Amino acid sequence: MIRRGQSPIAYENGRVNVDLSDADAIESTILSCLELGDYDTVKDLNEALACHDLVEGRSVFRHYPMTLQLEHTSFCNAECIMCVHYYRRNIGASHLTDDFVSCLESVMPYLRTIVLHGNGEPFMDPALGSRLDLYSKYHIHVSTNTNMSILPDAVLAHHDLFETLTVSLDSVDPRMYSIIRKGLNLERVTENIRRFRSASPQTFMTLATVVMRHNIAELERIVEYAVENGFQRVIFTRVGINDNALNKYDDPVLYPSALKTHLKRAIQVAEAVGIELIYPDYFLSLSDSDYDLDIIRIGSEPWDPPRQIDRCSPMSERWSLYGFDLNPQKSRSTCNGICDRIWDTSMVTAKGEVIACCIDVLHNVGNLDRDFTEVWNGNPLVRLRELFFSGKLPRICDNCMFITNNGLELLKVDRADDFYENQKFKNG
């Protein structure tokens, strides 16, 4: 281990002195900082290197991800009606192993954030405490998306690591909440939200709602709930349509006037109290219908569709959901830039599969049976980056939540007519 006094790099007033216009110098300095255990500087310089890769349009990156979305577990304690767990339950689910964590440790000094999120409830990970200890060692902030039905002591003990926390909550009516999020209790969830907020007032909290037929009339009340419970932001996203869940009538765009009426009310509430509200911009441009008729149609379908477990046997061979090799195909939409997530983020599942994107989880780009750095610059991701930089949006990005919610800074998309087709979760 090199000690700071013996370091080949120059420190001035506790900061590394390096020419940030010289990518080679940055790479060399990163290696020296790693030996010193100066992880904060490694993160800063890695981000500078990422900017070089972006400006130069490099498809083979010299930087490593700044964010790692890491699925600690694919087990879930709920069976939400819009989720794969509704009809697959926990078949084939697994927890992240120590071996996979060891394979990722070499990249941890570069990471600013680890997102505890995937296809399960992250707070169910039995090794969560030791994982949080490790992230603290490398000065990594933590973010998560949770249903907040459980709140482990380890989370409260490490609350200072949690930079952001997102709670998935789709109804503020106890009965409807229990219909949508089967197995959970709204009162208990609310209690846990308040306990966490009390322990961690510095954490930026987001309430995420999947907008569907069931909760269209609640949108303004959901914003009010968020304000009452200490959230700083609310995100509305459109439900995914899944043939196995028999939920084609749950798509909110089928009830445009009801959707627009309650979304506008939600926007008014958000503006009045000063909370940030993010929603698909095209919701407000839908063609008008009859509001009263929409409300009648909303209630005409069963709230609680039957599971289609018998229709899921073809999926059993690929329960991880991450079963297809990525074969980038061009969308009809054109673009300028690169997706923020492809540039600065990677996703790894509990089974050690590296995924191109947290939205299109069907496509993997490698596995942790080899070094993560080889996957990061492996052929699938390099080809995907090349597609972006050539001005062609990848087909897997059509209907992307981040694009429809204007949530990307580095990518501008000229959307083709079929961009909004809600087909991402249909079985082909």
Protein backbone atom coordinates (compact mmCIF):
# COMPACT_ATOMS: atom_id res chain seq x y z
CA MET A 1 0.00 0.00 0.00
CA ILE A 2 1.40 3.39 -0.98
CA ARG A 3 1.23 6.01 1.73
CA ARG A 4 0.22 9.53 0.81
CA GLY A 5 3.74 10.87 1.46
CA GLN A 6 5.13 8.34 -1.02
CA SER A 7 2.41 8.90 -3.61
CA PRO A 8 3.40 9.59 -7.24
CA ILE A 9 0.44 11.98 -7.44
CA ALA A 10 0.40 15.55 -6.22
CA TYR A 11 -2.01 16.75 -3.52
CA GLU A 12 -2.70 20.43 -2.98
CA ASN A 13 -4.78 21.42 0.04
CA GLY A 14 -5.97 17.83 0.31
CA ARG A 15 -7.02 17.64 -3.35
CA VAL A 16 -5.35 15.83 -6.23
CA ASN A 17 -3.65 18.08 -8.75
CA VAL A 18 -4.28 16.59 -12.20
CA ASP A 19 -4.95 17.99 -15.66
CA LEU A 20 -8.61 17.10 -16.25
CA SER A 21 -8.23 17.75 -19.98
CA ASP A 22 -5.81 14.81 -20.22
CA ALA A 23 -7.68 11.50 -20.14
CA ASP A 24 -4.46 9.48 -19.91
CA ALA A 25 -3.36 11.47 -16.87
CA ILE A 26 -6.75 10.90 -15.27
CA GLU A 27 -6.49 7.13 -15.78
CA SER A 28 -2.99 7.04 -14.29
CA THR A 29 -4.02 9.11 -11.30
CA ILE A 30 -7.04 6.88 -10.64
CA LEU A 31 -4.74 3.86 -10.29
CA SER A 32 -2.57 5.70 -7.77
CA CYS A 33 -5.61 6.83 -5.78
CA LEU A 34 -6.88 3.26 -5.66
CA GLU A 35 -3.64 2.15 -4.01
CA LEU A 36 -3.99 4.96 -1.50
CA GLY A 37 -7.59 4.02 -0.75
CA ASP A 38 -8.64 7.53 -1.75
CA TYR A 39 -12.06 6.44 -3.00
CA ASP A 40 -13.61 9.90 -3.04
CA THR A 41 -11.01 11.12 -5.54
CA VAL A 42 -11.40 7.94 -7.59
CA LYS A 43 -15.10 8.70 -7.95
CA ASP A 44 -14.43 12.30 -8.97
CA LEU A 45 -11.83 11.32 -11.57
CA ASN A 46 -13.95 8.47 -12.90
CA GLU A 47 -16.72 10.99 -13.54
CA ALA A 48 -14.25 13.27 -15.35
CA LEU A 49 -13.19 10.32 -17.50
CA ALA A 50 -16.85 9.57 -18.23
CA CYS A 51 -17.24 13.12 -19.57
CA HIS A 52 -14.33 12.51 -21.95
CA ASP A 53 -16.01 9.33 -23.21
CA LEU A 54 -19.28 11.19 -23.72
CA VAL A 55 -17.79 14.15 -25.59
CA GLU A 56 -15.67 11.88 -27.78
CA GLY A 57 -18.59 9.53 -28.49
CA ARG A 58 -16.59 6.49 -27.44
CA SER A 59 -18.38 3.15 -27.52
CA VAL A 60 -15.59 1.44 -25.58
CA PHE A 61 -15.64 3.27 -22.27
CA ARG A 62 -12.55 4.11 -20.25
CA HIS A 63 -14.69 4.92 -17.23
CA TYR A 64 -16.69 2.56 -15.04
CA PRO A 65 -20.32 3.01 -14.01
CA MET A 66 -21.04 5.66 -11.42
CA THR A 67 -24.24 3.89 -10.39
CA LEU A 68 -24.85 0.18 -9.97
CA GLN A 69 -28.40 -1.09 -9.79
CA LEU A 70 -27.96 -4.24 -7.77
CA GLU A 71 -30.76 -6.71 -7.21
CA HIS A 72 -30.13 -7.93 -3.68
CA THR A 73 -33.03 -10.35 -3.89
CA SER A 74 -35.72 -11.38 -6.36
CA PHE A 75 -37.99 -12.54 -3.54
CA CYS A 76 -40.99 -10.36 -2.79
CA ASN A 77 -43.53 -10.40 0.02
CA ALA A 78 -46.31 -8.99 -2.17
CA GLU A 79 -48.23 -10.12 -5.23
CA CYS A 80 -49.10 -6.85 -6.95
CA ILE A 81 -51.62 -7.25 -9.75
CA MET A 82 -49.43 -5.44 -12.32
CA CYS A 83 -46.28 -7.38 -11.42
CA VAL A 84 -44.80 -10.70 -12.50
CA HIS A 85 -45.03 -11.84 -8.87
CA TYR A 86 -48.81 -11.79 -9.22
CA TYR A 87 -48.78 -14.89 -11.38
CA ARG A 88 -45.30 -16.29 -10.80
CA ARG A 89 -45.03 -15.65 -7.08
CA ASN A 90 -41.47 -16.44 -5.91
CA ILE A 91 -40.79 -19.39 -8.19
CA GLY A 92 -37.06 -19.48 -8.95
CA ALA A 93 -36.30 -16.42 -6.84
CA SER A 94 -32.91 -16.05 -5.15
CA HIS A 95 -30.81 -13.81 -2.93
CA LEU A 96 -27.57 -12.19 -4.07
CA THR A 97 -24.61 -14.38 -3.07
CA ASP A 98 -21.34 -13.36 -1.43
CA ASP A 99 -19.48 -14.68 -4.49
CA PHE A 100 -21.27 -12.26 -6.81
CA VAL A 101 -20.63 -9.40 -4.41
CA SER A 102 -16.93 -10.30 -4.44
CA CYS A 103 -16.94 -10.18 -8.25
CA LEU A 104 -18.28 -6.63 -8.05
CA GLU A 105 -16.02 -5.32 -5.31
CA SER A 106 -13.29 -4.23 -7.76
CA VAL A 107 -15.66 -1.66 -9.28
CA MET A 108 -17.03 -0.38 -5.97
CA PRO A 109 -14.36 2.32 -5.49
CA TYR A 110 -15.70 3.99 -8.66
CA LEU A 111 -19.34 3.91 -7.63
CA ARG A 112 -21.13 6.90 -6.19
CA THR A 113 -24.42 5.05 -5.70
CA ILE A 114 -25.71 1.51 -5.40
CA VAL A 115 -29.43 1.17 -6.07
CA LEU A 116 -31.03 -1.68 -4.15
CA HIS A 117 -33.67 -2.51 -6.68
CA GLY A 118 -34.64 -5.27 -9.07
CA ASN A 119 -37.47 -7.75 -9.28
CA GLY A 120 -37.90 -8.24 -5.54
CA GLU A 121 -38.30 -6.37 -2.29
CA PRO A 122 -34.74 -5.28 -1.35
CA PHE A 123 -35.39 -5.09 2.38
CA MET A 124 -35.99 -8.87 2.38
CA ASP A 125 -32.27 -9.56 1.76
CA PRO A 126 -31.06 -11.52 4.83
CA ALA A 127 -27.50 -10.19 4.30
CA LEU A 128 -28.57 -6.55 3.96
CA GLY A 129 -26.65 -5.42 7.04
CA SER A 130 -23.28 -6.77 5.84
CA ARG A 131 -23.91 -5.36 2.36
CA LEU A 132 -24.51 -1.89 3.79
CA ASP A 133 -21.32 -2.22 5.87
CA LEU A 134 -19.37 -2.91 2.66
CA TYR A 135 -20.88 0.04 0.81
CA SER A 136 -19.99 2.29 3.71
CA LYS A 137 -16.35 1.14 3.45
CA TYR A 138 -16.18 2.40 -0.14
CA HIS A 139 -18.08 5.64 0.61
CA ILE A 140 -20.99 4.58 -1.58
CA HIS A 141 -24.37 6.22 -1.20
CA VAL A 142 -27.42 3.97 -1.33
CA SER A 143 -30.73 4.42 -3.09
CA THR A 144 -33.62 2.01 -3.16
CA ASN A 145 -37.10 1.33 -4.39
CA THR A 146 -39.14 -0.46 -1.75
CA ASN A 147 -42.75 -1.23 -0.93
CA MET A 148 -41.83 -0.22 2.66
CA SER A 149 -43.90 -3.03 4.15
CA ILE A 150 -40.88 -3.98 6.27
CA LEU A 151 -38.19 -1.76 7.74
CA PRO A 152 -35.13 -3.71 8.97
CA ASP A 153 -33.01 -2.39 11.82
CA ALA A 154 -30.02 -2.42 9.44
CA VAL A 155 -31.70 0.23 7.29
CA LEU A 156 -32.30 2.50 10.26
CA ALA A 157 -28.75 1.89 11.50
CA HIS A 158 -27.34 2.91 8.10
CA HIS A 159 -29.91 5.60 7.32
CA ASP A 160 -27.10 8.09 6.63
CA LEU A 161 -26.12 6.04 3.55
CA PHE A 162 -29.55 6.45 1.99
CA GLU A 163 -29.27 9.38 -0.36
CA THR A 164 -32.66 8.69 -1.95
CA LEU A 165 -35.51 6.33 -1.16
CA THR A 166 -38.47 5.59 -3.40
CA VAL A 167 -41.63 4.00 -2.04
CA SER A 168 -43.97 2.24 -4.48
CA LEU A 169 -47.53 3.01 -3.47
CA ASP A 170 -50.51 2.92 -5.82
CA SER A 171 -53.50 3.78 -3.65
CA VAL A 172 -54.25 5.69 -0.48
CA ASP A 173 -57.52 3.84 0.01
CA PRO A 174 -56.80 0.83 2.31
CA ARG A 175 -59.21 -1.46 0.46
CA MET A 176 -57.95 -0.62 -3.02
CA TYR A 177 -54.35 -0.73 -1.80
CA SER A 178 -54.87 -4.31 -0.61
CA ILE A 179 -56.40 -5.23 -3.97
CA ILE A 180 -53.48 -3.80 -5.93
CA ARG A 181 -50.66 -4.81 -3.57
CA LYS A 182 -51.79 -8.18 -2.29
CA GLY A 183 -50.26 -9.24 0.99
CA LEU A 184 -49.44 -5.73 2.16
CA ASN A 185 -51.15 -3.38 4.60
CA LEU A 186 -51.35 0.37 3.94
CA GLU A 187 -51.40 1.28 7.64
CA ARG A 188 -48.18 -0.64 8.30
CA VAL A 189 -46.52 0.84 5.22
CA THR A 190 -47.45 4.36 6.31
CA GLU A 191 -46.07 3.71 9.79
CA ASN A 192 -42.73 2.52 8.31
CA ILE A 193 -42.56 5.54 6.02
CA ARG A 194 -42.94 7.85 9.00
CA ARG A 195 -40.37 5.92 11.07
CA PHE A 196 -37.80 6.16 8.31
CA ARG A 197 -38.49 9.83 7.67
CA SER A 198 -38.11 10.59 11.37
CA ALA A 199 -34.76 8.75 11.51
CA SER A 200 -33.45 10.13 8.22
CA PRO A 201 -34.69 13.65 7.51
CA GLN A 202 -31.85 14.22 5.03
CA THR A 203 -32.94 11.45 2.61
CA PHE A 204 -34.69 12.60 -0.57
CA MET A 205 -37.91 10.59 -0.72
CA THR A 206 -40.00 9.85 -3.79
CA LEU A 207 -43.44 8.27 -3.95
CA ALA A 208 -43.85 6.21 -7.13
CA THR A 209 -47.32 5.34 -8.40
CA VAL A 210 -48.20 3.04 -11.27
CA VAL A 211 -51.20 4.77 -12.85
CA MET A 212 -53.90 2.29 -13.80
CA ARG A 213 -57.67 1.99 -13.97
CA HIS A 214 -57.83 1.30 -10.24
CA ASN A 215 -56.34 4.59 -9.08
CA ILE A 216 -57.14 7.18 -11.77
CA ALA A 217 -59.63 8.91 -9.46
CA GLU A 218 -57.07 9.01 -6.62
CA LEU A 219 -54.24 10.88 -8.28
CA GLU A 220 -54.75 14.14 -6.42
CA ARG A 221 -55.17 12.33 -3.11
CA ILE A 222 -51.93 10.42 -3.72
CA VAL A 223 -50.09 13.74 -4.07
CA GLU A 224 -51.67 14.94 -0.82
CA TYR A 225 -50.58 11.71 0.93
CA ALA A 226 -47.01 12.27 -0.30
CA VAL A 227 -46.96 15.77 1.16
CA GLU A 228 -48.38 14.60 4.50
CA ASN A 229 -45.70 11.90 4.84
CA GLY A 230 -42.58 13.86 4.00
CA PHE A 231 -41.98 13.04 0.36
CA GLN A 232 -40.32 15.61 -1.89
CA ARG A 233 -41.38 14.10 -5.21
CA VAL A 234 -44.15 12.03 -6.81
CA ILE A 235 -43.72 10.04 -10.01
CA PHE A 236 -46.64 8.73 -12.05
CA THR A 237 -45.88 5.99 -14.59
CA ARG A 238 -48.18 4.10 -16.94
CA VAL A 239 -48.98 0.50 -16.08
CA GLY A 240 -47.37 -2.19 -18.19
CA ILE A 241 -49.79 -4.45 -20.04
CA ASN A 242 -49.15 -8.13 -19.51
CA ASP A 243 -51.14 -10.90 -21.16
CA ASN A 244 -50.55 -13.26 -18.22
CA ALA A 245 -52.07 -10.76 -15.79
CA LEU A 246 -55.13 -10.19 -18.00
CA ASN A 247 -54.84 -6.46 -17.36
CA LYS A 248 -55.38 -4.90 -20.80
CA TYR A 249 -58.34 -2.89 -19.46
CA ASP A 250 -56.19 -1.42 -16.69
CA ASP A 251 -54.31 0.84 -19.12
CA PRO A 252 -55.19 4.41 -18.03
CA VAL A 253 -55.09 5.79 -21.58
CA LEU A 254 -58.31 3.86 -22.27
CA TYR A 255 -60.08 6.41 -20.03
CA PRO A 256 -58.59 9.68 -21.31
CA SER A 257 -60.98 12.26 -19.89
CA ALA A 258 -60.96 10.71 -16.42
CA LEU A 259 -57.18 10.45 -16.58
CA LYS A 260 -56.69 14.05 -17.68
CA THR A 261 -59.22 15.41 -15.18
CA HIS A 262 -57.58 13.81 -12.14
CA LEU A 263 -54.03 14.37 -13.41
CA LYS A 264 -54.75 18.10 -13.78
CA ARG A 265 -56.11 18.16 -10.24
CA ALA A 266 -52.98 16.38 -9.03
CA ILE A 267 -50.84 18.94 -10.84
CA GLN A 268 -52.74 21.75 -9.14
CA VAL A 269 -52.21 20.20 -5.71
CA ALA A 270 -48.50 19.71 -6.41
CA GLU A 271 -48.08 23.30 -7.54
CA ALA A 272 -49.98 24.63 -4.54
CA VAL A 273 -47.81 22.83 -1.99
CA GLY A 274 -44.54 22.93 -3.91
CA ILE A 275 -43.91 19.19 -4.37
CA GLU A 276 -42.31 17.94 -7.59
CA LEU A 277 -44.64 15.88 -9.80
CA ILE A 278 -43.37 13.87 -12.76
CA TYR A 279 -45.76 12.22 -15.22
CA PRO A 280 -45.86 11.09 -18.87
CA ASP A 281 -46.35 14.31 -20.83
CA TYR A 282 -48.53 12.65 -23.46
CA PHE A 283 -51.22 11.90 -20.85
CA LEU A 284 -52.48 15.46 -21.22
CA SER A 285 -52.55 15.32 -25.03
CA LEU A 286 -54.86 12.30 -25.26
CA SER A 287 -58.09 12.77 -27.23
CA ASP A 288 -61.08 13.73 -25.12
CA SER A 289 -63.80 11.28 -24.15
CA ASP A 290 -66.84 11.46 -21.89
CA TYR A 291 -65.78 11.69 -18.22
CA ASP A 292 -68.92 10.07 -16.79
CA LEU A 293 -68.70 7.24 -19.31
CA ASP A 294 -65.04 6.74 -18.45
CA ILE A 295 -65.92 6.37 -14.77
CA ILE A 296 -68.60 3.81 -15.60
CA ARG A 297 -66.18 1.84 -17.78
CA ILE A 298 -63.47 2.01 -15.12
CA GLY A 299 -65.73 0.19 -12.67
CA SER A 300 -67.19 -2.28 -15.16
CA GLU A 301 -64.21 -4.68 -15.12
CA PRO A 302 -63.30 -6.88 -12.12
CA TRP A 303 -60.79 -5.19 -9.82
CA ASP A 304 -59.21 -8.50 -8.99
CA PRO A 305 -58.42 -10.62 -12.10
CA PRO A 306 -57.50 -14.30 -11.69
CA ARG A 307 -53.89 -15.40 -11.90
CA GLN A 308 -52.84 -17.05 -15.13
CA ILE A 309 -50.28 -19.45 -13.67
CA ASP A 310 -51.15 -22.13 -16.23
CA ARG A 311 -50.14 -19.75 -19.02
CA CYS A 312 -46.69 -19.16 -17.56
CA SER A 313 -45.07 -22.55 -18.10
CA PRO A 314 -43.12 -21.31 -21.17
CA MET A 315 -41.48 -18.76 -18.88
CA SER A 316 -40.24 -21.30 -16.36
CA GLU A 317 -36.96 -21.84 -18.22
CA ARG A 318 -36.18 -18.13 -17.96
CA TRP A 319 -37.71 -17.17 -14.62
CA SER A 320 -34.90 -14.76 -13.94
CA LEU A 321 -36.70 -12.84 -16.71
CA TYR A 322 -33.26 -11.99 -17.95
CA GLY A 323 -33.11 -14.66 -20.61
CA PHE A 324 -32.37 -13.15 -23.99
CA ASP A 325 -29.01 -12.02 -25.31
CA LEU A 326 -29.16 -8.40 -26.35
CA ASN A 327 -29.36 -7.95 -30.11
CA PRO A 328 -29.66 -4.20 -30.67
CA GLN A 329 -32.24 -3.34 -33.31
CA LYS A 330 -33.01 0.12 -34.60
CA SER A 331 -36.23 1.83 -33.64
CA ARG A 332 -38.10 4.00 -36.11
CA SER A 333 -37.29 6.89 -33.77
CA THR A 334 -34.08 8.87 -34.12
CA CYS A 335 -32.04 10.35 -31.29
CA ASN A 336 -29.19 12.61 -30.39
CA GLY A 337 -26.83 11.64 -27.59
CA ILE A 338 -26.87 8.55 -25.39
CA CYS A 339 -29.16 7.30 -22.65
CA ASP A 340 -27.96 8.47 -19.24
CA ARG A 341 -28.39 4.95 -17.87
CA ILE A 342 -26.27 3.35 -20.58
CA TRP A 343 -23.56 5.96 -19.94
CA ASP A 344 -23.37 5.95 -16.16
CA THR A 345 -25.23 2.89 -14.85
CA SER A 346 -25.15 -0.88 -14.90
CA MET A 347 -27.65 -3.40 -13.52
CA VAL A 348 -26.81 -6.77 -11.98
CA THR A 349 -29.39 -9.34 -10.91
CA ALA A 350 -29.38 -11.59 -7.88
CA LYS A 351 -28.29 -14.39 -10.20
CA GLY A 352 -25.25 -12.50 -11.42
CA GLU A 353 -26.63 -11.47 -14.79
CA VAL A 354 -25.68 -8.05 -16.11
CA ILE A 355 -28.64 -6.27 -17.71
CA ALA A 356 -28.55 -3.54 -20.31
CA CYS A 357 -31.37 -1.55 -18.75
CA CYS A 358 -33.63 -1.68 -15.71
CA ILE A 359 -36.68 -0.96 -17.90
CA ASP A 360 -36.10 -3.63 -20.56
CA VAL A 361 -35.11 -6.45 -18.21
CA LEU A 362 -35.47 -9.22 -20.79
CA HIS A 363 -32.04 -8.60 -22.29
CA ASN A 364 -28.77 -9.46 -20.57
CA VAL A 365 -25.32 -8.45 -21.75
CA GLY A 366 -23.19 -10.84 -19.71
CA ASN A 367 -22.76 -12.70 -16.46
CA LEU A 368 -20.51 -12.53 -13.42
CA ASP A 369 -18.86 -15.78 -14.44
CA ARG A 370 -16.19 -13.41 -15.76
CA ASP A 371 -14.80 -10.10 -14.65
CA PHE A 372 -17.35 -7.31 -14.61
CA THR A 373 -15.00 -5.02 -16.52
CA GLU A 374 -15.10 -7.42 -19.48
CA VAL A 375 -18.90 -7.25 -19.54
CA TRP A 376 -18.89 -3.45 -19.20
CA ASN A 377 -16.98 -3.20 -22.48
CA GLY A 378 -18.26 -6.41 -24.01
CA ASN A 379 -19.71 -6.61 -27.50
CA PRO A 380 -23.44 -6.22 -26.62
CA LEU A 381 -22.99 -2.95 -24.72
CA VAL A 382 -20.48 -1.58 -27.23
CA ARG A 383 -22.96 -2.20 -30.05
CA LEU A 384 -25.74 -0.56 -28.05
CA ARG A 385 -23.61 2.54 -27.47
CA GLU A 386 -22.70 2.65 -31.15
CA LEU A 387 -26.39 2.64 -32.04
CA PHE A 388 -27.08 5.66 -29.83
CA PHE A 389 -24.10 7.61 -31.14
CA SER A 390 -25.15 6.85 -34.73
CA GLY A 391 -28.44 8.68 -34.08
CA LYS A 392 -30.69 5.62 -33.99
CA LEU A 393 -32.75 4.85 -30.91
CA PRO A 394 -32.57 1.13 -30.00
CA ARG A 395 -35.90 -0.65 -30.43
CA ILE A 396 -35.86 -1.76 -26.80
CA CYS A 397 -36.11 1.92 -25.81
CA ASP A 398 -39.53 2.47 -27.40
CA ASN A 399 -42.10 3.42 -24.73
CA CYS A 400 -39.28 3.94 -22.21
CA MET A 401 -40.50 5.50 -18.97
CA PHE A 402 -37.44 7.74 -18.71
CA ILE A 403 -38.05 9.16 -22.18
CA THR A 404 -41.81 9.64 -21.76
CA ASN A 405 -41.23 11.31 -18.39
CA ASN A 406 -38.48 13.53 -19.84
CA GLY A 407 -36.13 12.04 -17.29
CA LEU A 408 -32.97 11.94 -19.40
CA GLU A 409 -30.46 14.77 -19.71
CA LEU A 410 -28.06 13.32 -22.28
CA LEU A 411 -30.58 12.01 -24.83
CA LYS A 412 -33.05 13.77 -27.09
CA VAL A 413 -35.51 11.59 -29.01
CA ASP A 414 -37.55 12.35 -32.12
CA ARG A 415 -40.39 9.95 -31.37
CA ALA A 416 -41.94 7.94 -34.19
CA ASP A 417 -45.68 7.22 -34.31
CA ASP A 418 -45.31 3.78 -32.73
CA PHE A 419 -43.07 4.94 -29.89
CA TYR A 420 -45.86 4.83 -27.30
CA GLU A 421 -47.09 1.30 -28.04
CA ASN A 422 -47.52 -0.31 -24.66
CA GLN A 423 -46.15 -3.69 -25.62
CA LYS A 424 -43.02 -3.99 -23.59
CA PHE A 425 -44.32 -6.74 -21.31
CA LYS A 426 -46.31 -8.69 -23.84
CA ASN A 427 -45.13 -12.21 -24.57
CA GLY A 428 -44.07 -12.65 -28.14
